[in-house]
Amino acid sequence: MLHGAVDRIVVAANLMNITDIVTVIDRSSLVRYCGYASSNMESFRPPAPLRLAYSNLETEWASFEMKFRWFLIAIGANEKPDATKLVMLLSTVGDDAVKAFEAFAYQEGESCDTFDVVIRKFKE
């Protein structure tokens, strides 16, 4: 069962008629793609959730981000729309990080719907 921000992104994607997002199974699973070969999904695993209690959070985030970007490339999702990448990120990053995402403040011209902006907010 999904909660909070992930639900809002899925609803927003549906309202915007983004058909790449079919379902989000749960926080430990990822988005299923229309026409995406499930065998590829099974051969690559997303990184473990971000550990916010880790003493060096900057190093922990850098490692998570690098592994997540490799994962996106490995499954062919790096060119997917931002909404798809955000759902994948938020369903992988872990509950505590999703709570942090929900608390991010955005400046004028920034959007919580833009993948690169959200990645930058996690770095801040």
PDB file of N, CA and C in Angstrom:
ATOM      1  N   MET A   1       0.841  -1.177   0.000  1.00  0.00           N
ATOM      2  CA  MET A   1       0.000   0.000   0.000  1.00  0.00           C
ATOM      3  C   MET A   1       0.884   1.237   0.000  1.00  0.00           C
ATOM      4  N   LEU A   2       0.575   2.195  -0.834  1.00  0.00           N
ATOM      5  CA  LEU A   2       1.364   3.416  -0.916  1.00  0.00           C
ATOM      6  C   LEU A   2       0.719   4.527  -0.117  1.00  0.00           C
ATOM      7  N   HIS A   3       1.534   5.483   0.268  1.00  0.00           N
ATOM      8  CA  HIS A   3       1.052   6.584   1.087  1.00  0.00           C
ATOM      9  C   HIS A   3       1.600   7.902   0.578  1.00  0.00           C
ATOM     10  N   GLY A   4       0.934   8.983   0.899  1.00  0.00           N
ATOM     11  CA  GLY A   4       1.464  10.322   0.737  1.00  0.00           C
ATOM     12  C   GLY A   4       1.893  10.721  -0.650  1.00  0.00           C
ATOM     13  N   ALA A   5       3.146  11.137  -0.749  1.00  0.00           N
ATOM     14  CA  ALA A   5       3.685  11.730  -1.967  1.00  0.00           C
ATOM     15  C   ALA A   5       3.618  10.785  -3.155  1.00  0.00           C
ATOM     16  N   VAL A   6       3.892   9.519  -2.946  1.00  0.00           N
ATOM     17  CA  VAL A   6       3.863   8.570  -4.059  1.00  0.00           C
ATOM     18  C   VAL A   6       2.457   8.478  -4.626  1.00  0.00           C
ATOM     19  N   ASP A   7       1.450   8.419  -3.765  1.00  0.00           N
ATOM     20  CA  ASP A   7       0.068   8.392  -4.231  1.00  0.00           C
ATOM     21  C   ASP A   7      -0.248   9.633  -5.052  1.00  0.00           C
ATOM     22  N   ARG A   8       0.197  10.800  -4.571  1.00  0.00           N
ATOM     23  CA  ARG A   8      -0.084  12.046  -5.286  1.00  0.00           C
ATOM     24  C   ARG A   8       0.577  12.054  -6.660  1.00  0.00           C
ATOM     25  N   ILE A   9       1.774  11.517  -6.755  1.00  0.00           N
ATOM     26  CA  ILE A   9       2.454  11.487  -8.049  1.00  0.00           C
ATOM     27  C   ILE A   9       1.716  10.555  -9.006  1.00  0.00           C
ATOM     28  N   VAL A  10       1.277   9.403  -8.514  1.00  0.00           N
ATOM     29  CA  VAL A  10       0.546   8.473  -9.369  1.00  0.00           C
ATOM     30  C   VAL A  10      -0.755   9.103  -9.843  1.00  0.00           C
ATOM     31  N   VAL A  11      -1.484   9.747  -8.936  1.00  0.00           N
ATOM     32  CA  VAL A  11      -2.730  10.413  -9.307  1.00  0.00           C
ATOM     33  C   VAL A  11      -2.452  11.516 -10.315  1.00  0.00           C
ATOM     34  N   ALA A  12      -1.420  12.333 -10.069  1.00  0.00           N
ATOM     35  CA  ALA A  12      -1.076  13.404 -11.000  1.00  0.00           C
ATOM     36  C   ALA A  12      -0.700  12.838 -12.362  1.00  0.00           C
ATOM     37  N   ALA A  13       0.046  11.763 -12.384  1.00  0.00           N
ATOM     38  CA  ALA A  13       0.432  11.135 -13.651  1.00  0.00           C
ATOM     39  C   ALA A  13      -0.802  10.651 -14.394  1.00  0.00           C
ATOM     40  N   ASN A  14      -1.751  10.067 -13.657  1.00  0.00           N
ATOM     41  CA  ASN A  14      -2.979   9.608 -14.298  1.00  0.00           C
ATOM     42  C   ASN A  14      -3.786  10.780 -14.843  1.00  0.00           C
ATOM     43  N   LEU A  15      -3.859  11.865 -14.083  1.00  0.00           N
ATOM     44  CA  LEU A  15      -4.596  13.039 -14.538  1.00  0.00           C
ATOM     45  C   LEU A  15      -3.946  13.676 -15.761  1.00  0.00           C
ATOM     46  N   MET A  16      -2.615  13.590 -15.838  1.00  0.00           N
ATOM     47  CA  MET A  16      -1.897  14.155 -16.982  1.00  0.00           C
ATOM     48  C   MET A  16      -1.851  13.167 -18.143  1.00  0.00           C
ATOM     49  N   ASN A  17      -2.509  12.012 -17.967  1.00  0.00           N
ATOM     50  CA  ASN A  17      -2.583  10.995 -19.001  1.00  0.00           C
ATOM     51  C   ASN A  17      -1.206  10.469 -19.393  1.00  0.00           C
ATOM     52  N   ILE A  18      -0.332  10.292 -18.398  1.00  0.00           N
ATOM     53  CA  ILE A  18       0.971   9.698 -18.642  1.00  0.00           C
ATOM     54  C   ILE A  18       0.776   8.194 -18.582  1.00  0.00           C
ATOM     55  N   THR A  19       0.898   7.533 -19.716  1.00  0.00           N
ATOM     56  CA  THR A  19       0.594   6.108 -19.776  1.00  0.00           C
ATOM     57  C   THR A  19       1.785   5.226 -19.445  1.00  0.00           C
ATOM     58  N   ASP A  20       2.957   5.801 -19.217  1.00  0.00           N
ATOM     59  CA  ASP A  20       4.111   4.989 -18.838  1.00  0.00           C
ATOM     60  C   ASP A  20       3.919   4.352 -17.474  1.00  0.00           C
ATOM     61  N   ILE A  21       3.176   5.033 -16.610  1.00  0.00           N
ATOM     62  CA  ILE A  21       2.961   4.499 -15.267  1.00  0.00           C
ATOM     63  C   ILE A  21       1.707   3.645 -15.315  1.00  0.00           C
ATOM     64  N   VAL A  22       1.875   2.355 -15.062  1.00  0.00           N
ATOM     65  CA  VAL A  22       0.728   1.468 -15.044  1.00  0.00           C
ATOM     66  C   VAL A  22       0.313   1.217 -13.606  1.00  0.00           C
ATOM     67  N   THR A  23       1.253   0.739 -12.797  1.00  0.00           N
ATOM     68  CA  THR A  23       0.953   0.514 -11.382  1.00  0.00           C
ATOM     69  C   THR A  23       2.218   0.678 -10.570  1.00  0.00           C
ATOM     70  N   VAL A  24       2.039   1.004  -9.330  1.00  0.00           N
ATOM     71  CA  VAL A  24       3.124   0.945  -8.365  1.00  0.00           C
ATOM     72  C   VAL A  24       2.672  -0.092  -7.360  1.00  0.00           C
ATOM     73  N   ILE A  25       3.452  -1.134  -7.201  1.00  0.00           N
ATOM     74  CA  ILE A  25       3.017  -2.261  -6.388  1.00  0.00           C
ATOM     75  C   ILE A  25       3.147  -1.941  -4.905  1.00  0.00           C
ATOM     76  N   ASP A  26       4.345  -1.595  -4.455  1.00  0.00           N
ATOM     77  CA  ASP A  26       4.575  -1.192  -3.074  1.00  0.00           C
ATOM     78  C   ASP A  26       5.912  -0.472  -3.027  1.00  0.00           C
ATOM     79  N   ARG A  27       6.314  -0.014  -1.852  1.00  0.00           N
ATOM     80  CA  ARG A  27       7.536   0.776  -1.742  1.00  0.00           C
ATOM     81  C   ARG A  27       8.787   0.000  -2.122  1.00  0.00           C
ATOM     82  N   SER A  28       8.796  -1.298  -2.010  1.00  0.00           N
ATOM     83  CA  SER A  28       9.990  -2.067  -2.352  1.00  0.00           C
ATOM     84  C   SER A  28       9.968  -2.528  -3.800  1.00  0.00           C
ATOM     85  N   SER A  29       8.884  -2.289  -4.486  1.00  0.00           N
ATOM     86  CA  SER A  29       8.779  -2.637  -5.891  1.00  0.00           C
ATOM     87  C   SER A  29       8.844  -1.379  -6.730  1.00  0.00           C
ATOM     88  N   LEU A  30       8.875  -1.554  -8.021  1.00  0.00           N
ATOM     89  CA  LEU A  30       8.988  -0.400  -8.896  1.00  0.00           C
ATOM     90  C   LEU A  30       7.828  -0.324  -9.863  1.00  0.00           C
ATOM     91  N   VAL A  31       7.865   0.710 -10.641  1.00  0.00           N
ATOM     92  CA  VAL A  31       6.834   0.950 -11.628  1.00  0.00           C
ATOM     93  C   VAL A  31       6.890  -0.128 -12.700  1.00  0.00           C
ATOM     94  N   ARG A  32       5.736  -0.605 -13.135  1.00  0.00           N
ATOM     95  CA  ARG A  32       5.678  -1.490 -14.300  1.00  0.00           C
ATOM     96  C   ARG A  32       5.411  -0.611 -15.512  1.00  0.00           C
ATOM     97  N   TYR A  33       6.077  -0.912 -16.599  1.00  0.00           N
ATOM     98  CA  TYR A  33       5.918  -0.113 -17.809  1.00  0.00           C
ATOM     99  C   TYR A  33       5.057  -0.838 -18.823  1.00  0.00           C
ATOM    100  N   CYS A  34       4.302  -0.070 -19.583  1.00  0.00           N
ATOM    101  CA  CYS A  34       3.560  -0.644 -20.698  1.00  0.00           C
ATOM    102  C   CYS A  34       4.572  -1.241 -21.670  1.00  0.00           C
ATOM    103  N   GLY A  35       4.423  -2.504 -21.966  1.00  0.00           N
ATOM    104  CA  GLY A  35       5.292  -3.144 -22.935  1.00  0.00           C
ATOM    105  C   GLY A  35       6.701  -3.420 -22.449  1.00  0.00           C
ATOM    106  N   TYR A  36       6.996  -3.161 -21.189  1.00  0.00           N
ATOM    107  CA  TYR A  36       8.348  -3.394 -20.674  1.00  0.00           C
ATOM    108  C   TYR A  36       8.512  -4.865 -20.348  1.00  0.00           C
ATOM    109  N   ALA A  37       9.599  -5.467 -20.780  1.00  0.00           N
ATOM    110  CA  ALA A  37       9.843  -6.895 -20.549  1.00  0.00           C
ATOM    111  C   ALA A  37      10.122  -7.131 -19.071  1.00  0.00           C
ATOM    112  N   SER A  38       9.295  -7.925 -18.430  1.00  0.00           N
ATOM    113  CA  SER A  38       9.455  -8.161 -16.996  1.00  0.00           C
ATOM    114  C   SER A  38      10.748  -8.898 -16.684  1.00  0.00           C
ATOM    115  N   SER A  39      11.312  -9.624 -17.640  1.00  0.00           N
ATOM    116  CA  SER A  39      12.558 -10.340 -17.362  1.00  0.00           C
ATOM    117  C   SER A  39      13.695  -9.370 -17.076  1.00  0.00           C
ATOM    118  N   ASN A  40      13.699  -8.197 -17.702  1.00  0.00           N
ATOM    119  CA  ASN A  40      14.719  -7.187 -17.405  1.00  0.00           C
ATOM    120  C   ASN A  40      14.570  -6.682 -15.977  1.00  0.00           C
ATOM    121  N   MET A  41      13.347  -6.487 -15.541  1.00  0.00           N
ATOM    122  CA  MET A  41      13.078  -5.996 -14.208  1.00  0.00           C
ATOM    123  C   MET A  41      13.608  -6.968 -13.168  1.00  0.00           C
ATOM    124  N   GLU A  42      13.475  -8.262 -13.436  1.00  0.00           N
ATOM    125  CA  GLU A  42      13.883  -9.268 -12.477  1.00  0.00           C
ATOM    126  C   GLU A  42      15.397  -9.383 -12.364  1.00  0.00           C
ATOM    127  N   SER A  43      16.125  -8.986 -13.398  1.00  0.00           N
ATOM    128  CA  SER A  43      17.574  -9.169 -13.369  1.00  0.00           C
ATOM    129  C   SER A  43      18.309  -7.991 -12.727  1.00  0.00           C
ATOM    130  N   PHE A  44      17.631  -6.892 -12.468  1.00  0.00           N
ATOM    131  CA  PHE A  44      18.245  -5.728 -11.833  1.00  0.00           C
ATOM    132  C   PHE A  44      17.423  -5.341 -10.614  1.00  0.00           C
ATOM    133  N   ARG A  45      18.118  -5.061  -9.534  1.00  0.00           N
ATOM    134  CA  ARG A  45      17.429  -4.658  -8.300  1.00  0.00           C
ATOM    135  C   ARG A  45      17.754  -3.195  -8.001  1.00  0.00           C
ATOM    136  N   PRO A  46      16.781  -2.470  -7.461  1.00  0.00           N
ATOM    137  CA  PRO A  46      17.051  -1.087  -7.067  1.00  0.00           C
ATOM    138  C   PRO A  46      17.980  -1.067  -5.857  1.00  0.00           C
ATOM    139  N   PRO A  47      18.604   0.083  -5.599  1.00  0.00           N
ATOM    140  CA  PRO A  47      19.452   0.175  -4.407  1.00  0.00           C
ATOM    141  C   PRO A  47      18.614   0.044  -3.135  1.00  0.00           C
ATOM    142  N   ALA A  48      19.279  -0.319  -2.060  1.00  0.00           N
ATOM    143  CA  ALA A  48      18.611  -0.385  -0.753  1.00  0.00           C
ATOM    144  C   ALA A  48      18.142   1.021  -0.369  1.00  0.00           C
ATOM    145  N   PRO A  49      17.097   1.130   0.434  1.00  0.00           N
ATOM    146  CA  PRO A  49      16.613   2.456   0.855  1.00  0.00           C
ATOM    147  C   PRO A  49      17.720   3.285   1.518  1.00  0.00           C
ATOM    148  N   LEU A  50      17.596   4.578   1.393  1.00  0.00           N
ATOM    149  CA  LEU A  50      18.529   5.528   1.991  1.00  0.00           C
ATOM    150  C   LEU A  50      18.467   5.411   3.509  1.00  0.00           C
ATOM    151  N   ARG A  51      19.629   5.398   4.144  1.00  0.00           N
ATOM    152  CA  ARG A  51      19.702   5.313   5.610  1.00  0.00           C
ATOM    153  C   ARG A  51      19.939   6.720   6.162  1.00  0.00           C
ATOM    154  N   LEU A  52      18.874   7.363   6.610  1.00  0.00           N
ATOM    155  CA  LEU A  52      18.987   8.738   7.105  1.00  0.00           C
ATOM    156  C   LEU A  52      19.695   8.810   8.448  1.00  0.00           C
ATOM    157  N   ALA A  53      19.760   7.700   9.169  1.00  0.00           N
ATOM    158  CA  ALA A  53      20.439   7.693  10.468  1.00  0.00           C
ATOM    159  C   ALA A  53      21.950   7.535  10.316  1.00  0.00           C
ATOM    160  N   TYR A  54      22.410   7.320   9.099  1.00  0.00           N
ATOM    161  CA  TYR A  54      23.833   7.145   8.822  1.00  0.00           C
ATOM    162  C   TYR A  54      24.591   8.398   9.241  1.00  0.00           C
ATOM    163  N   SER A  55      25.764   8.235   9.840  1.00  0.00           N
ATOM    164  CA  SER A  55      26.501   9.377  10.388  1.00  0.00           C
ATOM    165  C   SER A  55      26.972  10.361   9.314  1.00  0.00           C
ATOM    166  N   ASN A  56      27.289   9.886   8.125  1.00  0.00           N
ATOM    167  CA  ASN A  56      27.714  10.782   7.051  1.00  0.00           C
ATOM    168  C   ASN A  56      26.651  10.748   5.956  1.00  0.00           C
ATOM    169  N   LEU A  57      25.605  11.542   6.154  1.00  0.00           N
ATOM    170  CA  LEU A  57      24.454  11.540   5.254  1.00  0.00           C
ATOM    171  C   LEU A  57      24.833  11.962   3.837  1.00  0.00           C
ATOM    172  N   GLU A  58      25.778  12.875   3.711  1.00  0.00           N
ATOM    173  CA  GLU A  58      26.209  13.313   2.376  1.00  0.00           C
ATOM    174  C   GLU A  58      26.795  12.140   1.580  1.00  0.00           C
ATOM    175  N   THR A  59      27.619  11.343   2.216  1.00  0.00           N
ATOM    176  CA  THR A  59      28.213  10.172   1.566  1.00  0.00           C
ATOM    177  C   THR A  59      27.138   9.128   1.268  1.00  0.00           C
ATOM    178  N   GLU A  60      26.238   8.920   2.205  1.00  0.00           N
ATOM    179  CA  GLU A  60      25.147   7.959   2.018  1.00  0.00           C
ATOM    180  C   GLU A  60      24.277   8.364   0.831  1.00  0.00           C
ATOM    181  N   TRP A  61      23.913   9.669   0.741  1.00  0.00           N
ATOM    182  CA  TRP A  61      23.095  10.131  -0.379  1.00  0.00           C
ATOM    183  C   TRP A  61      23.849   9.959  -1.691  1.00  0.00           C
ATOM    184  N   ALA A  62      25.118  10.349  -1.742  1.00  0.00           N
ATOM    185  CA  ALA A  62      25.903  10.235  -2.976  1.00  0.00           C
ATOM    186  C   ALA A  62      25.929   8.790  -3.469  1.00  0.00           C
ATOM    187  N   SER A  63      26.106   7.861  -2.558  1.00  0.00           N
ATOM    188  CA  SER A  63      26.123   6.440  -2.916  1.00  0.00           C
ATOM    189  C   SER A  63      24.753   5.989  -3.417  1.00  0.00           C
ATOM    190  N   PHE A  64      23.688   6.371  -2.704  1.00  0.00           N
ATOM    191  CA  PHE A  64      22.336   6.002  -3.119  1.00  0.00           C
ATOM    192  C   PHE A  64      22.025   6.576  -4.498  1.00  0.00           C
ATOM    193  N   GLU A  65      22.309   7.862  -4.693  1.00  0.00           N
ATOM    194  CA  GLU A  65      21.988   8.510  -5.972  1.00  0.00           C
ATOM    195  C   GLU A  65      22.721   7.835  -7.129  1.00  0.00           C
ATOM    196  N   MET A  66      24.008   7.557  -6.946  1.00  0.00           N
ATOM    197  CA  MET A  66      24.793   6.913  -7.999  1.00  0.00           C
ATOM    198  C   MET A  66      24.198   5.548  -8.346  1.00  0.00           C
ATOM    199  N   LYS A  67      23.870   4.736  -7.338  1.00  0.00           N
ATOM    200  CA  LYS A  67      23.296   3.410  -7.576  1.00  0.00           C
ATOM    201  C   LYS A  67      21.913   3.510  -8.207  1.00  0.00           C
ATOM    202  N   PHE A  68      21.122   4.512  -7.800  1.00  0.00           N
ATOM    203  CA  PHE A  68      19.794   4.684  -8.369  1.00  0.00           C
ATOM    204  C   PHE A  68      19.895   5.075  -9.839  1.00  0.00           C
ATOM    205  N   ARG A  69      20.806   5.991 -10.161  1.00  0.00           N
ATOM    206  CA  ARG A  69      20.980   6.385 -11.571  1.00  0.00           C
ATOM    207  C   ARG A  69      21.466   5.208 -12.413  1.00  0.00           C
ATOM    208  N   TRP A  70      22.374   4.387 -11.884  1.00  0.00           N
ATOM    209  CA  TRP A  70      22.810   3.181 -12.596  1.00  0.00           C
ATOM    210  C   TRP A  70      21.625   2.253 -12.830  1.00  0.00           C
ATOM    211  N   PHE A  71      20.792   2.118 -11.811  1.00  0.00           N
ATOM    212  CA  PHE A  71      19.607   1.271 -11.929  1.00  0.00           C
ATOM    213  C   PHE A  71      18.682   1.778 -13.033  1.00  0.00           C
ATOM    214  N   LEU A  72      18.442   3.093 -13.065  1.00  0.00           N
ATOM    215  CA  LEU A  72      17.597   3.655 -14.119  1.00  0.00           C
ATOM    216  C   LEU A  72      18.146   3.323 -15.498  1.00  0.00           C
ATOM    217  N   ILE A  73      19.448   3.457 -15.666  1.00  0.00           N
ATOM    218  CA  ILE A  73      20.083   3.145 -16.949  1.00  0.00           C
ATOM    219  C   ILE A  73      19.941   1.660 -17.263  1.00  0.00           C
ATOM    220  N   ALA A  74      20.178   0.817 -16.273  1.00  0.00           N
ATOM    221  CA  ALA A  74      20.148  -0.634 -16.476  1.00  0.00           C
ATOM    222  C   ALA A  74      18.786  -1.128 -16.955  1.00  0.00           C
ATOM    223  N   ILE A  75      17.711  -0.518 -16.461  1.00  0.00           N
ATOM    224  CA  ILE A  75      16.371  -0.971 -16.861  1.00  0.00           C
ATOM    225  C   ILE A  75      15.781  -0.111 -17.975  1.00  0.00           C
ATOM    226  N   GLY A  76      16.566   0.832 -18.476  1.00  0.00           N
ATOM    227  CA  GLY A  76      16.101   1.659 -19.581  1.00  0.00           C
ATOM    228  C   GLY A  76      15.123   2.743 -19.182  1.00  0.00           C
ATOM    229  N   ALA A  77      15.144   3.154 -17.925  1.00  0.00           N
ATOM    230  CA  ALA A  77      14.186   4.156 -17.446  1.00  0.00           C
ATOM    231  C   ALA A  77      14.775   5.556 -17.375  1.00  0.00           C
ATOM    232  N   ASN A  78      16.050   5.724 -17.684  1.00  0.00           N
ATOM    233  CA  ASN A  78      16.670   7.044 -17.579  1.00  0.00           C
ATOM    234  C   ASN A  78      16.077   8.054 -18.557  1.00  0.00           C
ATOM    235  N   GLU A  79      15.444   7.596 -19.615  1.00  0.00           N
ATOM    236  CA  GLU A  79      14.821   8.498 -20.588  1.00  0.00           C
ATOM    237  C   GLU A  79      13.306   8.605 -20.400  1.00  0.00           C
ATOM    238  N   LYS A  80      12.784   7.989 -19.363  1.00  0.00           N
ATOM    239  CA  LYS A  80      11.349   8.062 -19.079  1.00  0.00           C
ATOM    240  C   LYS A  80      10.989   9.459 -18.579  1.00  0.00           C
ATOM    241  N   PRO A  81       9.706   9.819 -18.601  1.00  0.00           N
ATOM    242  CA  PRO A  81       9.280  11.127 -18.088  1.00  0.00           C
ATOM    243  C   PRO A  81       9.634  11.297 -16.608  1.00  0.00           C
ATOM    244  N   ASP A  82       9.743  12.555 -16.193  1.00  0.00           N
ATOM    245  CA  ASP A  82      10.070  12.856 -14.796  1.00  0.00           C
ATOM    246  C   ASP A  82       9.110  12.187 -13.821  1.00  0.00           C
ATOM    247  N   ALA A  83       7.825  12.167 -14.134  1.00  0.00           N
ATOM    248  CA  ALA A  83       6.847  11.560 -13.224  1.00  0.00           C
ATOM    249  C   ALA A  83       7.180  10.096 -12.971  1.00  0.00           C
ATOM    250  N   THR A  84       7.597   9.391 -13.990  1.00  0.00           N
ATOM    251  CA  THR A  84       7.957   7.977 -13.843  1.00  0.00           C
ATOM    252  C   THR A  84       9.193   7.826 -12.976  1.00  0.00           C
ATOM    253  N   LYS A  85      10.215   8.629 -13.250  1.00  0.00           N
ATOM    254  CA  LYS A  85      11.446   8.538 -12.462  1.00  0.00           C
ATOM    255  C   LYS A  85      11.197   8.930 -11.006  1.00  0.00           C
ATOM    256  N   LEU A  86      10.323   9.907 -10.774  1.00  0.00           N
ATOM    257  CA  LEU A  86      10.012  10.311  -9.395  1.00  0.00           C
ATOM    258  C   LEU A  86       9.294   9.204  -8.639  1.00  0.00           C
ATOM    259  N   VAL A  87       8.351   8.544  -9.276  1.00  0.00           N
ATOM    260  CA  VAL A  87       7.655   7.436  -8.621  1.00  0.00           C
ATOM    261  C   VAL A  87       8.652   6.338  -8.291  1.00  0.00           C
ATOM    262  N   MET A  88       9.555   6.054  -9.200  1.00  0.00           N
ATOM    263  CA  MET A  88      10.569   5.028  -8.943  1.00  0.00           C
ATOM    264  C   MET A  88      11.470   5.446  -7.786  1.00  0.00           C
ATOM    265  N   LEU A  89      11.911   6.703  -7.793  1.00  0.00           N
ATOM    266  CA  LEU A  89      12.759   7.206  -6.708  1.00  0.00           C
ATOM    267  C   LEU A  89      12.046   7.114  -5.363  1.00  0.00           C
ATOM    268  N   LEU A  90      10.824   7.632  -5.306  1.00  0.00           N
ATOM    269  CA  LEU A  90      10.100   7.695  -4.038  1.00  0.00           C
ATOM    270  C   LEU A  90       9.649   6.328  -3.548  1.00  0.00           C
ATOM    271  N   SER A  91       9.512   5.367  -4.440  1.00  0.00           N
ATOM    272  CA  SER A  91       9.155   4.036  -3.988  1.00  0.00           C
ATOM    273  C   SER A  91      10.391   3.209  -3.657  1.00  0.00           C
ATOM    274  N   THR A  92      11.572   3.774  -3.863  1.00  0.00           N
ATOM    275  CA  THR A  92      12.827   3.090  -3.558  1.00  0.00           C
ATOM    276  C   THR A  92      13.552   3.712  -2.382  1.00  0.00           C
ATOM    277  N   VAL A  93      13.484   5.023  -2.229  1.00  0.00           N
ATOM    278  CA  VAL A  93      14.346   5.761  -1.306  1.00  0.00           C
ATOM    279  C   VAL A  93      14.065   5.472   0.170  1.00  0.00           C
ATOM    280  N   GLY A  94      12.886   4.992   0.507  1.00  0.00           N
ATOM    281  CA  GLY A  94      12.568   4.670   1.900  1.00  0.00           C
ATOM    282  C   GLY A  94      11.612   5.666   2.538  1.00  0.00           C
ATOM    283  N   ASP A  95      10.911   5.201   3.559  1.00  0.00           N
ATOM    284  CA  ASP A  95       9.856   5.996   4.202  1.00  0.00           C
ATOM    285  C   ASP A  95      10.361   7.303   4.801  1.00  0.00           C
ATOM    286  N   ASP A  96      11.504   7.261   5.492  1.00  0.00           N
ATOM    287  CA  ASP A  96      12.019   8.484   6.120  1.00  0.00           C
ATOM    288  C   ASP A  96      12.379   9.528   5.072  1.00  0.00           C
ATOM    289  N   ALA A  97      12.945   9.100   3.972  1.00  0.00           N
ATOM    290  CA  ALA A  97      13.306  10.038   2.903  1.00  0.00           C
ATOM    291  C   ALA A  97      12.059  10.590   2.216  1.00  0.00           C
ATOM    292  N   VAL A  98      10.996   9.788   2.113  1.00  0.00           N
ATOM    293  CA  VAL A  98       9.740  10.285   1.543  1.00  0.00           C
ATOM    294  C   VAL A  98       9.176  11.376   2.448  1.00  0.00           C
ATOM    295  N   LYS A  99       9.288  11.188   3.756  1.00  0.00           N
ATOM    296  CA  LYS A  99       8.836  12.237   4.691  1.00  0.00           C
ATOM    297  C   LYS A  99       9.642  13.511   4.490  1.00  0.00           C
ATOM    298  N   ALA A 100      10.947  13.371   4.264  1.00  0.00           N
ATOM    299  CA  ALA A 100      11.787  14.542   3.984  1.00  0.00           C
ATOM    300  C   ALA A 100      11.334  15.205   2.688  1.00  0.00           C
ATOM    301  N   PHE A 101      11.053  14.410   1.660  1.00  0.00           N
ATOM    302  CA  PHE A 101      10.560  14.934   0.377  1.00  0.00           C
ATOM    303  C   PHE A 101       9.280  15.746   0.572  1.00  0.00           C
ATOM    304  N   GLU A 102       8.381  15.233   1.376  1.00  0.00           N
ATOM    305  CA  GLU A 102       7.110  15.924   1.618  1.00  0.00           C
ATOM    306  C   GLU A 102       7.306  17.265   2.324  1.00  0.00           C
ATOM    307  N   ALA A 103       8.444  17.438   2.991  1.00  0.00           N
ATOM    308  CA  ALA A 103       8.723  18.685   3.716  1.00  0.00           C
ATOM    309  C   ALA A 103       9.570  19.668   2.914  1.00  0.00           C
ATOM    310  N   PHE A 104      10.027  19.293   1.729  1.00  0.00           N
ATOM    311  CA  PHE A 104      10.857  20.199   0.925  1.00  0.00           C
ATOM    312  C   PHE A 104      10.105  21.482   0.611  1.00  0.00           C
ATOM    313  N   ALA A 105      10.827  22.594   0.664  1.00  0.00           N
ATOM    314  CA  ALA A 105      10.284  23.891   0.263  1.00  0.00           C
ATOM    315  C   ALA A 105      10.853  24.215  -1.116  1.00  0.00           C
ATOM    316  N   TYR A 106      10.011  24.696  -1.987  1.00  0.00           N
ATOM    317  CA  TYR A 106      10.420  24.986  -3.362  1.00  0.00           C
ATOM    318  C   TYR A 106      10.351  26.484  -3.622  1.00  0.00           C
ATOM    319  N   GLN A 107      11.379  26.973  -4.302  1.00  0.00           N
ATOM    320  CA  GLN A 107      11.433  28.380  -4.685  1.00  0.00           C
ATOM    321  C   GLN A 107      10.594  28.586  -5.950  1.00  0.00           C
ATOM    322  N   GLU A 108      10.329  29.834  -6.267  1.00  0.00           N
ATOM    323  CA  GLU A 108       9.622  30.135  -7.502  1.00  0.00           C
ATOM    324  C   GLU A 108      10.417  29.563  -8.676  1.00  0.00           C
ATOM    325  N   GLY A 109       9.728  28.898  -9.573  1.00  0.00           N
ATOM    326  CA  GLY A 109      10.386  28.291 -10.724  1.00  0.00           C
ATOM    327  C   GLY A 109      10.821  26.853 -10.484  1.00  0.00           C
ATOM    328  N   GLU A 110      10.775  26.388  -9.232  1.00  0.00           N
ATOM    329  CA  GLU A 110      11.089  24.994  -8.918  1.00  0.00           C
ATOM    330  C   GLU A 110       9.783  24.215  -8.784  1.00  0.00           C
ATOM    331  N   SER A 111       9.864  22.922  -9.049  1.00  0.00           N
ATOM    332  CA  SER A 111       8.667  22.098  -8.944  1.00  0.00           C
ATOM    333  C   SER A 111       9.005  20.741  -8.353  1.00  0.00           C
ATOM    334  N   CYS A 112       8.114  20.251  -7.519  1.00  0.00           N
ATOM    335  CA  CYS A 112       8.283  18.913  -6.955  1.00  0.00           C
ATOM    336  C   CYS A 112       8.005  17.838  -7.994  1.00  0.00           C
ATOM    337  N   ASP A 113       7.602  18.250  -9.184  1.00  0.00           N
ATOM    338  CA  ASP A 113       7.328  17.320 -10.282  1.00  0.00           C
ATOM    339  C   ASP A 113       8.524  17.151 -11.212  1.00  0.00           C
ATOM    340  N   THR A 114       9.629  17.835 -10.911  1.00  0.00           N
ATOM    341  CA  THR A 114      10.821  17.783 -11.761  1.00  0.00           C
ATOM    342  C   THR A 114      11.878  16.917 -11.081  1.00  0.00           C
ATOM    343  N   PHE A 115      12.269  15.838 -11.742  1.00  0.00           N
ATOM    344  CA  PHE A 115      13.201  14.875 -11.173  1.00  0.00           C
ATOM    345  C   PHE A 115      14.492  15.526 -10.707  1.00  0.00           C
ATOM    346  N   ASP A 116      15.139  16.327 -11.550  1.00  0.00           N
ATOM    347  CA  ASP A 116      16.420  16.941 -11.180  1.00  0.00           C
ATOM    348  C   ASP A 116      16.284  17.908 -10.005  1.00  0.00           C
ATOM    349  N   VAL A 117      15.153  18.590  -9.901  1.00  0.00           N
ATOM    350  CA  VAL A 117      14.927  19.497  -8.765  1.00  0.00           C
ATOM    351  C   VAL A 117      14.823  18.686  -7.473  1.00  0.00           C
ATOM    352  N   VAL A 118      14.084  17.584  -7.510  1.00  0.00           N
ATOM    353  CA  VAL A 118      13.929  16.749  -6.312  1.00  0.00           C
ATOM    354  C   VAL A 118      15.274  16.149  -5.911  1.00  0.00           C
ATOM    355  N   ILE A 119      16.047  15.690  -6.877  1.00  0.00           N
ATOM    356  CA  ILE A 119      17.380  15.154  -6.580  1.00  0.00           C
ATOM    357  C   ILE A 119      18.227  16.229  -5.896  1.00  0.00           C
ATOM    358  N   ARG A 120      18.189  17.447  -6.427  1.00  0.00           N
ATOM    359  CA  ARG A 120      18.959  18.562  -5.827  1.00  0.00           C
ATOM    360  C   ARG A 120      18.482  18.847  -4.399  1.00  0.00           C
ATOM    361  N   LYS A 121      17.179  18.779  -4.172  1.00  0.00           N
ATOM    362  CA  LYS A 121      16.638  19.025  -2.816  1.00  0.00           C
ATOM    363  C   LYS A 121      17.148  17.966  -1.834  1.00  0.00           C
ATOM    364  N   PHE A 122      17.229  16.739  -2.266  1.00  0.00           N
ATOM    365  CA  PHE A 122      17.775  15.701  -1.389  1.00  0.00           C
ATOM    366  C   PHE A 122      19.241  15.985  -1.055  1.00  0.00           C
ATOM    367  N   LYS A 123      19.977  16.584  -1.972  1.00  0.00           N
ATOM    368  CA  LYS A 123      21.385  16.897  -1.721  1.00  0.00           C
ATOM    369  C   LYS A 123      21.535  18.042  -0.740  1.00  0.00           C
ATOM    370  N   GLU A 124      20.566  18.952  -0.717  1.00  0.00           N
ATOM    371  CA  GLU A 124      20.633  20.131   0.172  1.00  0.00           C
ATOM    372  C   GLU A 124      20.379  19.687   1.552  1.00  0.00           C
TER     373      GLU A 124
END
